[in-house]
Amino acid sequence: GRRVGRPILVDATKLKYAAHLRDTGHTIAEIVAKTAITRSSLYRHLPPRPVEPITADELSAAGRDDAQ
């Protein structure tokens, strides 16, 4: 079958580089500046980061910070 519709303009190599940048702690704004991929395209093509569980120690530390 033929693929119909608008062609994909995001290069797979750039997406891999963008994923690497995000995994190394860069912000979306920094990734946009370095790859020239739009913000919306990054969110569309990159899978969301896994949610990291919060430990009881982190919760109690956050509660102490809020009380001060």
PDB file of N, CA and C in Angstrom:
ATOM      1  N   GLY A   1       0.778  -1.164   0.000  1.00  0.00           N
ATOM      2  CA  GLY A   1       0.000   0.000   0.000  1.00  0.00           C
ATOM      3  C   GLY A   1       0.842   1.259   0.000  1.00  0.00           C
ATOM      4  N   ARG A   2       0.206   2.245  -0.512  1.00  0.00           N
ATOM      5  CA  ARG A   2       0.819   3.572  -0.549  1.00  0.00           C
ATOM      6  C   ARG A   2       0.542   4.314   0.735  1.00  0.00           C
ATOM      7  N   ARG A   3       1.506   5.081   1.128  1.00  0.00           N
ATOM      8  CA  ARG A   3       1.312   5.943   2.293  1.00  0.00           C
ATOM      9  C   ARG A   3       0.744   7.263   1.794  1.00  0.00           C
ATOM     10  N   VAL A   4      -0.407   7.623   2.311  1.00  0.00           N
ATOM     11  CA  VAL A   4      -1.035   8.876   1.892  1.00  0.00           C
ATOM     12  C   VAL A   4      -0.915   9.891   3.010  1.00  0.00           C
ATOM     13  N   GLY A   5      -1.102  11.135   2.686  1.00  0.00           N
ATOM     14  CA  GLY A   5      -1.047  12.189   3.688  1.00  0.00           C
ATOM     15  C   GLY A   5       0.261  12.950   3.638  1.00  0.00           C
ATOM     16  N   ARG A   6       0.420  13.807   4.589  1.00  0.00           N
ATOM     17  CA  ARG A   6       1.598  14.662   4.654  1.00  0.00           C
ATOM     18  C   ARG A   6       2.833  13.819   4.977  1.00  0.00           C
ATOM     19  N   PRO A   7       3.940  14.048   4.254  1.00  0.00           N
ATOM     20  CA  PRO A   7       5.154  13.273   4.533  1.00  0.00           C
ATOM     21  C   PRO A   7       5.772  13.644   5.878  1.00  0.00           C
ATOM     22  N   ILE A   8       6.421  12.679   6.496  1.00  0.00           N
ATOM     23  CA  ILE A   8       7.093  12.906   7.774  1.00  0.00           C
ATOM     24  C   ILE A   8       8.387  13.658   7.505  1.00  0.00           C
ATOM     25  N   LEU A   9       8.574  14.774   8.185  1.00  0.00           N
ATOM     26  CA  LEU A   9       9.749  15.603   7.952  1.00  0.00           C
ATOM     27  C   LEU A   9      10.822  15.435   9.013  1.00  0.00           C
ATOM     28  N   VAL A  10      10.487  14.771  10.105  1.00  0.00           N
ATOM     29  CA  VAL A  10      11.450  14.606  11.186  1.00  0.00           C
ATOM     30  C   VAL A  10      12.358  13.424  10.858  1.00  0.00           C
ATOM     31  N   ASP A  11      13.645  13.688  10.801  1.00  0.00           N
ATOM     32  CA  ASP A  11      14.643  12.673  10.478  1.00  0.00           C
ATOM     33  C   ASP A  11      14.839  11.741  11.679  1.00  0.00           C
ATOM     34  N   ALA A  12      14.935  10.444  11.417  1.00  0.00           N
ATOM     35  CA  ALA A  12      15.107   9.454  12.486  1.00  0.00           C
ATOM     36  C   ALA A  12      16.412   9.676  13.249  1.00  0.00           C
ATOM     37  N   THR A  13      17.450  10.122  12.557  1.00  0.00           N
ATOM     38  CA  THR A  13      18.733  10.389  13.213  1.00  0.00           C
ATOM     39  C   THR A  13      18.605  11.539  14.204  1.00  0.00           C
ATOM     40  N   LYS A  14      17.888  12.590  13.789  1.00  0.00           N
ATOM     41  CA  LYS A  14      17.673  13.728  14.692  1.00  0.00           C
ATOM     42  C   LYS A  14      16.842  13.315  15.904  1.00  0.00           C
ATOM     43  N   LEU A  15      15.873  12.430  15.685  1.00  0.00           N
ATOM     44  CA  LEU A  15      15.048  11.963  16.803  1.00  0.00           C
ATOM     45  C   LEU A  15      15.868  11.170  17.806  1.00  0.00           C
ATOM     46  N   LYS A  16      16.775  10.331  17.320  1.00  0.00           N
ATOM     47  CA  LYS A  16      17.641   9.573  18.229  1.00  0.00           C
ATOM     48  C   LYS A  16      18.522  10.527  19.028  1.00  0.00           C
ATOM     49  N   TYR A  17      19.041  11.557  18.354  1.00  0.00           N
ATOM     50  CA  TYR A  17      19.874  12.551  19.025  1.00  0.00           C
ATOM     51  C   TYR A  17      19.052  13.312  20.066  1.00  0.00           C
ATOM     52  N   ALA A  18      17.823  13.666  19.717  1.00  0.00           N
ATOM     53  CA  ALA A  18      16.944  14.370  20.649  1.00  0.00           C
ATOM     54  C   ALA A  18      16.639  13.504  21.867  1.00  0.00           C
ATOM     55  N   ALA A  19      16.398  12.214  21.652  1.00  0.00           N
ATOM     56  CA  ALA A  19      16.133  11.297  22.766  1.00  0.00           C
ATOM     57  C   ALA A  19      17.360  11.192  23.661  1.00  0.00           C
ATOM     58  N   HIS A  20      18.540  11.146  23.050  1.00  0.00           N
ATOM     59  CA  HIS A  20      19.786  11.099  23.828  1.00  0.00           C
ATOM     60  C   HIS A  20      19.942  12.370  24.664  1.00  0.00           C
ATOM     61  N   LEU A  21      19.671  13.519  24.070  1.00  0.00           N
ATOM     62  CA  LEU A  21      19.786  14.778  24.806  1.00  0.00           C
ATOM     63  C   LEU A  21      18.820  14.809  25.987  1.00  0.00           C
ATOM     64  N   ARG A  22      17.587  14.363  25.756  1.00  0.00           N
ATOM     65  CA  ARG A  22      16.601  14.369  26.844  1.00  0.00           C
ATOM     66  C   ARG A  22      17.015  13.413  27.956  1.00  0.00           C
ATOM     67  N   ASP A  23      17.555  12.256  27.582  1.00  0.00           N
ATOM     68  CA  ASP A  23      17.981  11.274  28.578  1.00  0.00           C
ATOM     69  C   ASP A  23      19.175  11.757  29.391  1.00  0.00           C
ATOM     70  N   THR A  24      19.958  12.669  28.830  1.00  0.00           N
ATOM     71  CA  THR A  24      21.113  13.201  29.555  1.00  0.00           C
ATOM     72  C   THR A  24      20.774  14.473  30.318  1.00  0.00           C
ATOM     73  N   GLY A  25      19.482  14.832  30.382  1.00  0.00           N
ATOM     74  CA  GLY A  25      19.060  15.921  31.248  1.00  0.00           C
ATOM     75  C   GLY A  25      18.840  17.264  30.588  1.00  0.00           C
ATOM     76  N   HIS A  26      18.905  17.347  29.272  1.00  0.00           N
ATOM     77  CA  HIS A  26      18.664  18.620  28.600  1.00  0.00           C
ATOM     78  C   HIS A  26      17.176  18.944  28.606  1.00  0.00           C
ATOM     79  N   THR A  27      16.865  20.228  28.621  1.00  0.00           N
ATOM     80  CA  THR A  27      15.472  20.656  28.584  1.00  0.00           C
ATOM     81  C   THR A  27      14.958  20.588  27.153  1.00  0.00           C
ATOM     82  N   ILE A  28      13.638  20.631  27.015  1.00  0.00           N
ATOM     83  CA  ILE A  28      13.035  20.617  25.682  1.00  0.00           C
ATOM     84  C   ILE A  28      13.482  21.847  24.895  1.00  0.00           C
ATOM     85  N   ALA A  29      13.570  22.997  25.544  1.00  0.00           N
ATOM     86  CA  ALA A  29      14.010  24.216  24.854  1.00  0.00           C
ATOM     87  C   ALA A  29      15.429  24.061  24.305  1.00  0.00           C
ATOM     88  N   GLU A  30      16.307  23.442  25.069  1.00  0.00           N
ATOM     89  CA  GLU A  30      17.676  23.212  24.596  1.00  0.00           C
ATOM     90  C   GLU A  30      17.689  22.239  23.419  1.00  0.00           C
ATOM     91  N   ILE A  31      16.856  21.212  23.493  1.00  0.00           N
ATOM     92  CA  ILE A  31      16.800  20.224  22.412  1.00  0.00           C
ATOM     93  C   ILE A  31      16.269  20.870  21.133  1.00  0.00           C
ATOM     94  N   VAL A  32      15.255  21.722  21.268  1.00  0.00           N
ATOM     95  CA  VAL A  32      14.716  22.438  20.106  1.00  0.00           C
ATOM     96  C   VAL A  32      15.805  23.282  19.459  1.00  0.00           C
ATOM     97  N   ALA A  33      16.589  23.983  20.273  1.00  0.00           N
ATOM     98  CA  ALA A  33      17.654  24.838  19.745  1.00  0.00           C
ATOM     99  C   ALA A  33      18.741  24.026  19.044  1.00  0.00           C
ATOM    100  N   LYS A  34      19.058  22.851  19.571  1.00  0.00           N
ATOM    101  CA  LYS A  34      20.152  22.052  19.004  1.00  0.00           C
ATOM    102  C   LYS A  34      19.739  21.232  17.786  1.00  0.00           C
ATOM    103  N   THR A  35      18.469  20.828  17.705  1.00  0.00           N
ATOM    104  CA  THR A  35      18.058  19.921  16.631  1.00  0.00           C
ATOM    105  C   THR A  35      17.192  20.582  15.566  1.00  0.00           C
ATOM    106  N   ALA A  36      16.653  21.747  15.841  1.00  0.00           N
ATOM    107  CA  ALA A  36      15.729  22.444  14.932  1.00  0.00           C
ATOM    108  C   ALA A  36      14.436  21.654  14.708  1.00  0.00           C
ATOM    109  N   ILE A  37      14.105  20.766  15.640  1.00  0.00           N
ATOM    110  CA  ILE A  37      12.817  20.071  15.622  1.00  0.00           C
ATOM    111  C   ILE A  37      11.886  20.889  16.505  1.00  0.00           C
ATOM    112  N   THR A  38      10.662  21.131  16.039  1.00  0.00           N
ATOM    113  CA  THR A  38       9.751  21.949  16.823  1.00  0.00           C
ATOM    114  C   THR A  38       9.361  21.246  18.118  1.00  0.00           C
ATOM    115  N   ARG A  39       8.946  22.045  19.075  1.00  0.00           N
ATOM    116  CA  ARG A  39       8.556  21.540  20.391  1.00  0.00           C
ATOM    117  C   ARG A  39       7.422  20.517  20.275  1.00  0.00           C
ATOM    118  N   SER A  40       6.415  20.846  19.477  1.00  0.00           N
ATOM    119  CA  SER A  40       5.274  19.934  19.348  1.00  0.00           C
ATOM    120  C   SER A  40       5.683  18.618  18.689  1.00  0.00           C
ATOM    121  N   SER A  41       6.599  18.671  17.724  1.00  0.00           N
ATOM    122  CA  SER A  41       7.074  17.438  17.087  1.00  0.00           C
ATOM    123  C   SER A  41       7.850  16.578  18.071  1.00  0.00           C
ATOM    124  N   LEU A  42       8.630  17.213  18.942  1.00  0.00           N
ATOM    125  CA  LEU A  42       9.367  16.446  19.948  1.00  0.00           C
ATOM    126  C   LEU A  42       8.410  15.708  20.867  1.00  0.00           C
ATOM    127  N   TYR A  43       7.392  16.409  21.355  1.00  0.00           N
ATOM    128  CA  TYR A  43       6.429  15.760  22.244  1.00  0.00           C
ATOM    129  C   TYR A  43       5.654  14.667  21.508  1.00  0.00           C
ATOM    130  N   ARG A  44       5.409  14.851  20.215  1.00  0.00           N
ATOM    131  CA  ARG A  44       4.671  13.863  19.435  1.00  0.00           C
ATOM    132  C   ARG A  44       5.498  12.602  19.193  1.00  0.00           C
ATOM    133  N   HIS A  45       6.785  12.760  18.906  1.00  0.00           N
ATOM    134  CA  HIS A  45       7.605  11.625  18.489  1.00  0.00           C
ATOM    135  C   HIS A  45       8.382  10.951  19.616  1.00  0.00           C
ATOM    136  N   LEU A  46       8.697  11.671  20.672  1.00  0.00           N
ATOM    137  CA  LEU A  46       9.453  11.063  21.769  1.00  0.00           C
ATOM    138  C   LEU A  46       8.490  10.459  22.782  1.00  0.00           C
ATOM    139  N   PRO A  47       8.737   9.247  23.222  1.00  0.00           N
ATOM    140  CA  PRO A  47       7.867   8.657  24.243  1.00  0.00           C
ATOM    141  C   PRO A  47       8.036   9.404  25.568  1.00  0.00           C
ATOM    142  N   PRO A  48       6.998   9.450  26.381  1.00  0.00           N
ATOM    143  CA  PRO A  48       7.127  10.142  27.665  1.00  0.00           C
ATOM    144  C   PRO A  48       8.127   9.446  28.574  1.00  0.00           C
ATOM    145  N   ARG A  49       8.737  10.231  29.442  1.00  0.00           N
ATOM    146  CA  ARG A  49       9.673   9.654  30.414  1.00  0.00           C
ATOM    147  C   ARG A  49       8.903   8.827  31.426  1.00  0.00           C
ATOM    148  N   PRO A  50       9.488   7.748  31.906  1.00  0.00           N
ATOM    149  CA  PRO A  50       8.806   6.965  32.944  1.00  0.00           C
ATOM    150  C   PRO A  50       8.738   7.765  34.247  1.00  0.00           C
ATOM    151  N   VAL A  51       7.669   7.583  34.966  1.00  0.00           N
ATOM    152  CA  VAL A  51       7.484   8.279  36.236  1.00  0.00           C
ATOM    153  C   VAL A  51       8.337   7.597  37.294  1.00  0.00           C
ATOM    154  N   GLU A  52       9.125   8.392  38.005  1.00  0.00           N
ATOM    155  CA  GLU A  52       9.966   7.839  39.062  1.00  0.00           C
ATOM    156  C   GLU A  52       9.196   7.869  40.376  1.00  0.00           C
ATOM    157  N   PRO A  53       9.141   6.749  41.088  1.00  0.00           N
ATOM    158  CA  PRO A  53       8.397   6.730  42.349  1.00  0.00           C
ATOM    159  C   PRO A  53       9.061   7.616  43.403  1.00  0.00           C
ATOM    160  N   ILE A  54       8.237   8.199  44.251  1.00  0.00           N
ATOM    161  CA  ILE A  54       8.726   9.046  45.334  1.00  0.00           C
ATOM    162  C   ILE A  54       8.822   8.196  46.590  1.00  0.00           C
ATOM    163  N   THR A  55       9.955   8.271  47.270  1.00  0.00           N
ATOM    164  CA  THR A  55      10.145   7.489  48.488  1.00  0.00           C
ATOM    165  C   THR A  55       9.562   8.230  49.685  1.00  0.00           C
ATOM    166  N   ALA A  56       9.365   7.524  50.775  1.00  0.00           N
ATOM    167  CA  ALA A  56       8.839   8.125  51.999  1.00  0.00           C
ATOM    168  C   ALA A  56       9.795   9.189  52.529  1.00  0.00           C
ATOM    169  N   ASP A  57      11.097   8.968  52.387  1.00  0.00           N
ATOM    170  CA  ASP A  57      12.074   9.953  52.847  1.00  0.00           C
ATOM    171  C   ASP A  57      11.937  11.259  52.078  1.00  0.00           C
ATOM    172  N   GLU A  58      11.709  11.175  50.772  1.00  0.00           N
ATOM    173  CA  GLU A  58      11.542  12.378  49.961  1.00  0.00           C
ATOM    174  C   GLU A  58      10.270  13.124  50.344  1.00  0.00           C
ATOM    175  N   LEU A  59       9.202  12.374  50.638  1.00  0.00           N
ATOM    176  CA  LEU A  59       7.953  13.011  51.048  1.00  0.00           C
ATOM    177  C   LEU A  59       8.105  13.735  52.378  1.00  0.00           C
ATOM    178  N   SER A  60       8.758  13.106  53.337  1.00  0.00           N
ATOM    179  CA  SER A  60       8.922  13.744  54.643  1.00  0.00           C
ATOM    180  C   SER A  60       9.849  14.949  54.536  1.00  0.00           C
ATOM    181  N   ALA A  61      10.865  14.879  53.698  1.00  0.00           N
ATOM    182  CA  ALA A  61      11.767  16.017  53.508  1.00  0.00           C
ATOM    183  C   ALA A  61      11.020  17.176  52.855  1.00  0.00           C
ATOM    184  N   ALA A  62      10.137  16.883  51.911  1.00  0.00           N
ATOM    185  CA  ALA A  62       9.359  17.929  51.257  1.00  0.00           C
ATOM    186  C   ALA A  62       8.396  18.569  52.252  1.00  0.00           C
ATOM    187  N   GLY A  63       7.830  17.775  53.144  1.00  0.00           N
ATOM    188  CA  GLY A  63       6.931  18.312  54.162  1.00  0.00           C
ATOM    189  C   GLY A  63       7.642  19.241  55.118  1.00  0.00           C
ATOM    190  N   ARG A  64       8.870  18.910  55.465  1.00  0.00           N
ATOM    191  CA  ARG A  64       9.655  19.773  56.354  1.00  0.00           C
ATOM    192  C   ARG A  64      10.018  21.080  55.666  1.00  0.00           C
ATOM    193  N   ASP A  65      10.302  21.032  54.384  1.00  0.00           N
ATOM    194  CA  ASP A  65      10.649  22.242  53.645  1.00  0.00           C
ATOM    195  C   ASP A  65       9.455  23.180  53.549  1.00  0.00           C
ATOM    196  N   ASP A  66       8.244  22.624  53.380  1.00  0.00           N
ATOM    197  CA  ASP A  66       7.043  23.440  53.265  1.00  0.00           C
ATOM    198  C   ASP A  66       6.679  24.092  54.594  1.00  0.00           C
ATOM    199  N   ALA A  67       6.997  23.454  55.704  1.00  0.00           N
ATOM    200  CA  ALA A  67       6.625  23.956  57.027  1.00  0.00           C
ATOM    201  C   ALA A  67       7.472  25.156  57.444  1.00  0.00           C
ATOM    202  N   GLN A  68       8.618  25.326  56.836  1.00  0.00           N
ATOM    203  CA  GLN A  68       9.515  26.412  57.253  1.00  0.00           C
ATOM    204  C   GLN A  68       9.175  27.707  56.637  1.00  0.00           C
TER     205      GLN A  68
END
